[in-house]
Protein backbone atom coordinates (compact mmCIF):
# COMPACT_ATOMS: atom_id res chain seq x y z
CA MET A 1 -271.12 -8.19 31.40
CA THR A 2 -272.86 -10.24 28.37
CA GLN A 3 -276.19 -9.21 29.88
CA VAL A 4 -275.36 -5.67 30.08
CA ARG A 5 -274.10 -5.24 27.17
CA ARG A 6 -277.53 -6.65 26.03
CA HIS A 7 -279.58 -4.69 28.50
CA ASP A 8 -278.22 -1.77 26.90
CA THR A 9 -278.29 -2.89 23.15
CA LEU A 10 -281.73 -3.24 23.47
CA ARG A 11 -282.55 -0.18 25.30
CA TRP A 12 -280.99 1.99 22.73
CA ALA A 13 -282.91 -0.18 20.03
CA LEU A 14 -285.74 0.93 21.84
CA ALA A 15 -285.51 4.68 22.13
CA LEU A 16 -284.54 4.80 18.20
CA ALA A 17 -286.99 2.88 17.08
CA VAL A 18 -289.46 5.32 19.24
CA SER A 19 -287.54 8.66 17.61
CA SER A 20 -288.08 6.97 14.63
CA LEU A 21 -291.72 6.49 14.78
CA THR A 22 -291.72 10.14 16.48
CA ALA A 23 -289.53 12.02 14.02
CA LEU A 24 -292.10 10.14 11.12
CA VAL A 25 -295.64 11.36 13.02
CA ILE A 26 -293.64 15.01 12.67
CA GLY A 27 -293.23 14.24 9.34
CA THR A 28 -297.09 13.89 8.44
CA GLY A 29 -297.10 17.36 9.44
CA VAL A 30 -294.18 18.83 7.35
CA GLY A 31 -295.42 20.55 3.76
CA SER A 32 -294.45 23.87 1.68
CA GLU A 33 -296.03 25.20 4.01
CA GLY A 34 -293.77 24.90 6.83
CA TRP A 35 -294.62 23.45 10.51
CA ALA A 36 -298.07 22.36 10.24
CA TRP A 37 -300.54 19.81 11.30
CA PRO A 38 -303.89 19.73 9.86
CA SER A 39 -306.82 17.42 11.34
CA ILE A 40 -307.95 14.29 10.47
CA GLN A 41 -311.21 15.16 10.73
CA GLY A 42 -310.88 18.24 8.45
CA MET A 43 -308.53 16.72 5.85
CA ASP A 44 -310.04 17.45 2.74
CA ALA A 45 -309.05 14.89 -0.69
CA VAL A 46 -306.44 16.92 -1.76
CA GLN A 47 -305.05 16.92 1.66
CA ALA A 48 -305.32 13.51 2.64
CA GLN A 49 -304.06 12.77 -0.76
CA ILE A 50 -300.76 15.18 -0.14
CA MET A 51 -300.16 13.71 3.14
CA TRP A 52 -300.46 10.08 2.58
CA ASP A 53 -299.32 9.93 -1.32
CA ILE A 54 -296.25 12.42 -0.01
CA ARG A 55 -295.67 13.33 3.30
CA VAL A 56 -295.94 10.12 4.47
CA PRO A 57 -293.13 8.28 1.73
CA ARG A 58 -291.44 10.76 1.78
CA SER A 59 -290.22 10.47 5.86
CA LEU A 60 -290.37 6.61 5.55
CA GLY A 61 -287.90 6.65 2.52
CA ALA A 62 -285.57 9.06 4.54
CA TRP A 63 -285.89 6.67 7.35
CA LEU A 64 -284.82 3.69 4.96
CA ALA A 65 -282.52 5.31 2.51
CA GLY A 66 -280.59 6.07 6.50
CA ALA A 67 -281.26 2.77 7.50
CA LEU A 68 -279.69 1.11 4.54
CA LEU A 69 -276.40 4.06 4.76
CA GLY A 70 -275.83 3.33 8.01
CA LEU A 71 -275.82 -0.74 8.39
CA ALA A 72 -273.89 -0.08 5.21
CA GLY A 73 -271.00 1.52 7.43
CA ALA A 74 -271.52 -0.62 9.91
CA VAL A 75 -270.87 -3.30 7.18
CA ALA A 76 -267.83 -1.75 6.00
CA GLN A 77 -265.91 -0.31 9.19
CA GLY A 78 -266.29 -3.60 10.57
CA LEU A 79 -264.69 -5.97 7.38
CA PHE A 80 -262.26 -3.72 6.56
CA ARG A 81 -261.53 -3.02 10.55
CA ASN A 82 -261.04 0.39 10.08
CA PRO A 83 -263.04 3.33 11.81
CA LEU A 84 -262.85 5.84 8.64
CA ALA A 85 -264.25 2.84 6.04
CA ASP A 86 -267.58 3.98 4.58
CA PRO A 87 -269.15 3.87 1.04
CA TYR A 88 -268.51 7.15 -0.04
CA LEU A 89 -264.24 6.43 1.23
CA LEU A 90 -264.09 2.65 -0.76
CA GLY A 91 -265.60 4.10 -3.90
CA SER A 92 -269.21 2.14 -3.67
CA ALA A 93 -271.32 5.35 -3.63
CA SER A 94 -269.49 6.85 -6.50
CA GLY A 95 -270.24 3.53 -8.30
CA ALA A 96 -273.59 4.03 -7.73
CA SER A 97 -273.94 7.59 -8.91
CA PHE A 98 -271.91 6.21 -12.20
CA GLY A 99 -274.55 2.94 -12.75
CA VAL A 100 -277.65 5.50 -12.47
CA SER A 101 -276.04 8.25 -14.76
CA LEU A 102 -275.40 5.67 -17.60
CA TYR A 103 -278.67 4.05 -17.02
CA LEU A 104 -280.57 7.28 -17.39
CA SER A 105 -278.42 8.65 -19.94
CA ALA A 106 -279.62 5.22 -21.32
CA MET A 107 -282.90 5.27 -21.20
CA GLY A 108 -283.59 9.01 -21.26
CA GLY A 109 -285.41 8.85 -18.15
CA SER A 110 -285.77 11.42 -15.59
CA LEU A 111 -285.43 11.43 -11.52
CA LEU A 112 -288.98 12.58 -11.33
CA THR A 113 -291.00 9.06 -12.16
CA ASN A 114 -292.03 7.32 -9.35
CA ALA A 115 -293.33 3.68 -11.86
CA LEU A 116 -291.81 0.14 -10.35
CA TRP A 117 -289.57 -0.62 -13.83
CA PRO A 118 -287.61 2.49 -13.87
CA ARG A 119 -286.74 2.62 -10.15
CA LEU A 120 -285.71 -0.70 -10.28
CA GLY A 121 -283.74 -0.11 -13.03
CA MET A 122 -281.80 2.25 -11.35
CA THR A 123 -281.31 0.33 -8.08
CA GLY A 124 -279.97 -2.16 -9.79
CA ALA A 125 -278.00 0.11 -12.38
CA ALA A 126 -276.34 1.42 -8.92
CA PHE A 127 -275.69 -1.81 -7.77
CA VAL A 128 -273.90 -2.96 -10.40
CA GLY A 129 -271.85 -0.06 -9.82
CA ALA A 130 -271.07 0.29 -6.39
CA VAL A 131 -270.37 -3.32 -6.71
CA LEU A 132 -267.97 -3.16 -8.92
CA ALA A 133 -266.84 0.50 -7.23
CA VAL A 134 -265.63 -1.87 -4.22
CA MET A 135 -264.21 -4.40 -6.27
CA LEU A 136 -262.12 -2.45 -7.91
CA THR A 137 -261.21 -0.42 -4.74
CA LEU A 138 -259.90 -4.47 -3.46
CA LEU A 139 -258.00 -4.74 -6.62
CA LEU A 140 -255.89 -1.26 -6.46
CA ALA A 141 -255.55 -1.54 -2.66
CA ARG A 142 -254.64 -5.67 -2.82
CA GLY A 143 -257.24 -6.65 -0.38
CA VAL A 144 -257.56 -4.68 2.97
CA GLN A 145 -254.20 -5.90 4.63
CA GLN A 146 -253.03 -2.32 4.31
CA THR A 147 -255.55 0.36 5.52
CA LEU A 148 -253.74 3.45 4.06
CA ARG A 149 -252.98 1.57 0.98
CA LEU A 150 -257.23 0.97 1.18
CA LEU A 151 -258.08 4.32 1.90
CA LEU A 152 -256.14 5.60 -1.28
CA ALA A 153 -257.30 3.55 -3.63
CA GLY A 154 -261.12 4.07 -2.33
CA VAL A 155 -260.73 7.89 -2.71
CA VAL A 156 -258.95 6.92 -6.32
CA VAL A 157 -261.37 5.19 -7.80
CA GLY A 158 -264.42 7.57 -5.94
CA VAL A 159 -262.71 10.71 -7.82
CA VAL A 160 -262.54 8.72 -11.46
CA LEU A 161 -265.86 7.36 -11.00
CA GLY A 162 -267.35 11.09 -10.48
CA ALA A 163 -265.53 12.68 -13.01
CA LEU A 164 -267.03 9.83 -15.71
CA THR A 165 -270.47 10.25 -13.93
CA SER A 166 -269.76 14.45 -15.07
CA MET A 167 -268.84 13.12 -18.26
CA VAL A 168 -271.77 10.79 -18.91
CA THR A 169 -274.09 14.33 -17.72
CA LEU A 170 -273.06 16.95 -20.16
CA MET A 171 -272.82 14.48 -22.70
CA GLN A 172 -276.28 14.47 -21.93
CA PRO A 173 -278.09 17.85 -21.39
CA GLU A 174 -281.18 16.24 -20.65
CA VAL A 175 -280.43 14.09 -17.36
CA LEU A 176 -278.19 16.86 -16.40
CA GLN A 177 -280.86 18.27 -14.60
CA ALA A 178 -281.72 14.99 -12.85
CA MET A 179 -278.45 14.56 -12.08
CA GLN A 180 -277.42 17.65 -10.55
CA GLY A 181 -279.99 17.13 -8.05
CA PHE A 182 -279.19 13.40 -7.77
CA MET A 183 -275.71 14.57 -6.42
CA TRP A 184 -276.51 16.87 -3.49
CA GLY A 185 -279.57 14.14 -2.00
CA SER A 186 -282.98 14.85 -1.84
CA THR A 187 -286.22 12.51 -0.63
CA ALA A 188 -288.28 14.71 -2.38
CA PHE A 189 -288.92 11.66 -4.81
CA VAL A 190 -289.52 9.12 -3.49
CA GLY A 191 -292.81 8.13 -3.00
CA TRP A 192 -293.74 4.10 -2.59
CA THR A 193 -292.51 2.04 -4.85
CA SER A 194 -289.00 3.23 -3.58
CA CYS A 195 -289.64 2.77 0.37
CA SER A 196 -291.50 -0.74 -1.11
CA LEU A 197 -287.75 -1.15 -3.26
CA MET A 198 -285.45 0.11 -0.30
CA ALA A 199 -286.98 -1.52 2.72
CA GLY A 200 -286.95 -5.60 0.40
CA ALA A 201 -283.09 -4.05 -0.16
CA LEU A 202 -283.17 -3.44 3.88
CA LEU A 203 -284.57 -6.76 4.70
CA LEU A 204 -282.25 -8.32 2.70
CA CYS A 205 -278.64 -6.97 3.46
CA CYS A 206 -279.85 -7.11 7.00
CA MET A 207 -280.06 -10.61 6.86
CA VAL A 208 -277.07 -11.62 4.92
CA SER A 209 -275.44 -8.79 7.50
CA LEU A 210 -276.61 -10.71 10.83
CA ALA A 211 -275.84 -13.75 9.61
CA LEU A 212 -272.10 -12.98 9.07
CA ALA A 213 -271.98 -11.16 12.56
CA ARG A 214 -269.75 -13.47 13.95
CA VAL A 215 -267.36 -13.19 11.13
CA LEU A 216 -266.96 -9.46 11.64
CA ASP A 217 -266.38 -10.36 14.94
CA ALA A 218 -263.56 -12.64 14.10
CA LEU A 219 -262.47 -10.25 12.39
CA THR A 220 -261.74 -8.00 15.31
CA LEU A 221 -259.39 -10.08 16.69
CA GLY A 222 -257.00 -10.33 13.13
CA GLU A 223 -257.31 -11.93 10.09
CA ALA A 224 -255.70 -14.39 11.46
CA THR A 225 -257.43 -15.65 14.72
CA ALA A 226 -260.23 -15.27 12.68
CA HIS A 227 -258.60 -17.76 10.11
CA SER A 228 -258.15 -20.29 13.05
CA LEU A 229 -261.11 -20.41 14.59
CA GLY A 230 -262.83 -21.53 11.06
CA MET A 231 -264.60 -19.02 9.60
CA PRO A 232 -265.18 -18.91 6.21
CA LEU A 233 -263.72 -15.92 5.33
CA GLY A 234 -263.57 -15.84 1.52
CA ALA A 235 -267.40 -16.51 1.31
CA ALA A 236 -268.03 -14.08 4.08
CA ARG A 237 -265.84 -11.12 2.08
CA VAL A 238 -268.16 -12.00 -0.90
CA GLY A 239 -271.76 -11.66 1.04
CA LEU A 240 -270.69 -8.41 3.15
CA ILE A 241 -269.62 -6.77 -0.03
CA VAL A 242 -273.32 -7.32 -1.88
CA ALA A 243 -274.54 -6.60 1.17
CA LEU A 244 -272.73 -3.50 1.84
CA SER A 245 -272.59 -2.30 -2.47
CA LEU A 246 -276.82 -3.32 -2.34
CA ALA A 247 -277.73 -1.70 0.71
CA THR A 248 -275.47 1.58 -1.01
CA GLY A 249 -276.61 1.71 -4.56
CA ALA A 250 -280.24 0.80 -3.20
CA ALA A 251 -280.44 4.25 -1.05
CA VAL A 252 -278.05 6.08 -3.96
CA ALA A 253 -280.37 5.34 -6.63
CA GLN A 254 -283.47 6.46 -4.52
CA THR A 255 -282.18 9.45 -2.89
CA GLY A 256 -278.84 10.51 -4.25
CA LEU A 257 -275.54 11.17 -2.72
CA ILE A 258 -276.09 11.52 0.76
CA ALA A 259 -273.09 11.86 2.70
CA PHE A 260 -271.53 11.18 6.21
CA VAL A 261 -274.71 8.90 7.58
CA GLY A 262 -272.76 6.08 6.34
CA LEU A 263 -269.93 7.27 9.00
CA ALA A 264 -271.55 8.99 12.05
CA ALA A 265 -273.67 6.23 12.70
CA PRO A 266 -271.73 3.43 13.42
CA HIS A 267 -269.43 6.26 15.45
CA ALA A 268 -272.86 7.48 17.41
CA VAL A 269 -273.39 3.82 18.08
CA ARG A 270 -269.39 3.32 19.42
CA SER A 271 -269.56 6.12 21.43
CA ARG A 272 -272.59 4.35 23.75
CA VAL A 273 -272.46 1.26 23.53
CA HIS A 274 -270.52 -1.83 23.81
CA THR A 275 -272.16 -4.56 21.98
CA THR A 276 -270.94 -7.46 19.54
CA HIS A 277 -271.48 -6.78 15.71
CA ALA A 278 -275.14 -8.40 15.81
CA GLY A 279 -276.08 -5.28 17.68
CA LEU A 280 -274.07 -2.73 16.16
CA LEU A 281 -275.22 -3.61 12.69
CA VAL A 282 -279.05 -3.21 14.02
CA LEU A 283 -278.38 -0.10 16.13
CA SER A 284 -276.29 1.86 13.03
CA ALA A 285 -279.53 1.28 10.90
CA LEU A 286 -281.56 2.64 13.49
CA MET A 287 -279.41 5.20 13.90
CA GLY A 288 -279.66 6.44 10.28
CA GLY A 289 -282.74 6.07 9.95
CA VAL A 290 -282.77 8.99 12.67
CA LEU A 291 -279.97 10.77 11.23
CA LEU A 292 -281.65 11.03 7.83
CA GLN A 293 -285.68 11.61 8.94
CA MET A 294 -284.02 14.87 11.38
CA ALA A 295 -281.79 16.27 8.11
CA ASP A 296 -284.95 15.84 6.45
CA LEU A 297 -287.54 17.81 8.38
CA LEU A 298 -284.11 20.22 8.32
CA ALA A 299 -284.28 20.33 4.96
CA ARG A 300 -288.54 20.92 4.55
CA GLY A 301 -289.11 23.03 7.23
CA LEU A 302 -286.39 25.03 8.15
CA LEU A 303 -286.49 27.54 5.03
CA ALA A 304 -289.84 26.60 3.85
CA PRO A 305 -291.81 26.44 1.18
CA GLN A 306 -287.92 26.22 -0.53
CA ASP A 307 -286.62 22.69 -0.22
CA LEU A 308 -283.44 22.50 0.82
CA PRO A 309 -281.42 19.64 -0.60
CA VAL A 310 -281.04 16.77 2.33
CA GLY A 311 -277.18 15.79 1.87
CA VAL A 312 -276.41 19.94 2.40
CA PHE A 313 -278.25 18.90 6.22
CA THR A 314 -276.27 15.55 6.49
CA ALA A 315 -272.64 17.24 4.88
CA VAL A 316 -273.07 20.22 7.89
CA LEU A 317 -274.30 17.52 10.52
CA GLY A 318 -271.94 14.82 9.88
CA GLY A 319 -268.96 17.16 9.82
CA VAL A 320 -269.57 19.32 12.68
CA TYR A 321 -270.38 15.70 14.30
CA LEU A 322 -266.92 14.64 13.54
CA LEU A 323 -265.40 17.47 14.39
CA TRP A 324 -266.57 16.96 17.79
CA ARG A 325 -265.37 13.63 18.23
CA MET A 326 -261.92 14.70 17.49
CA GLN A 327 -261.53 16.91 19.65
CA ALA A 328 -263.01 14.81 22.25
CA VAL A 329 -260.22 12.12 21.83
CA ASN A 330 -257.15 14.72 21.18
CA GLY A 331 -258.93 16.25 24.65
CA GLY A 332 -258.39 12.53 26.37
CA ARG A 333 -255.29 12.07 24.87
CA ALA A 334 -254.32 14.95 26.84
């Protein structure tokens, strides 16, 4: 049985990796004129710059942001033992957004810049906001034992921080336009600097999460059982919350609020593959990257030259997928 699960995990990992590379190649041919692949030999200097400085980092950035959100969703669902948990329901995305709004308000900056230090500052602000939001959610919920209380606390924290973000942007009109695009979610301003930051965050979060994957496996048997097995639950929770917050903060800081990827990616993996949390974390990251890449392709090419916010597509596609899953579950019970 273990060999079969490992074989399925490797097979799906390979399929998702190939899908990611395919979407990356397709993304190089989607621009303001729609779906058009220029000839490599016939490209002039301007076309080459557009491809390598705009299209390639945007497609790669979409994959990295989706992978971060997919990983964050898998960590949240395993840590809190709740299939409905994701960065949005626990307040970390709203906290990251609030941190970015404070940063932009203090610096008077814009999301249009792709310099290293401003982008790094936004990532740090989003990370701090995400950590504080999750800690506030856990404080209000008095731990993770009561699922309903945890979800309600996350909703309350998300609503309050969302309102505070709106207040900050209204008080600073110069950042209102930047935050408006940020709230919709967009990969239009992702460059090589953003890709480098997200790649570093993804590598670090994967290392921490995979190192603590056995703790997540033990938690599926219950907290008491995990404690009896000698798992360091306190330290593991801190490490997983840091990984969850960093993954969410890095993605949100570079692409804005993109809904449903963190929730839908682990569900899509679980519906196809039965694996341990180590495999689930890797596959959820790959699945999240593919989902956001495909949504980004639709956002760029569907109504070209108009560039639609990718968050709109993820919300629609994620909502349709979850409704389909609900119907499938209800049909199975009937």
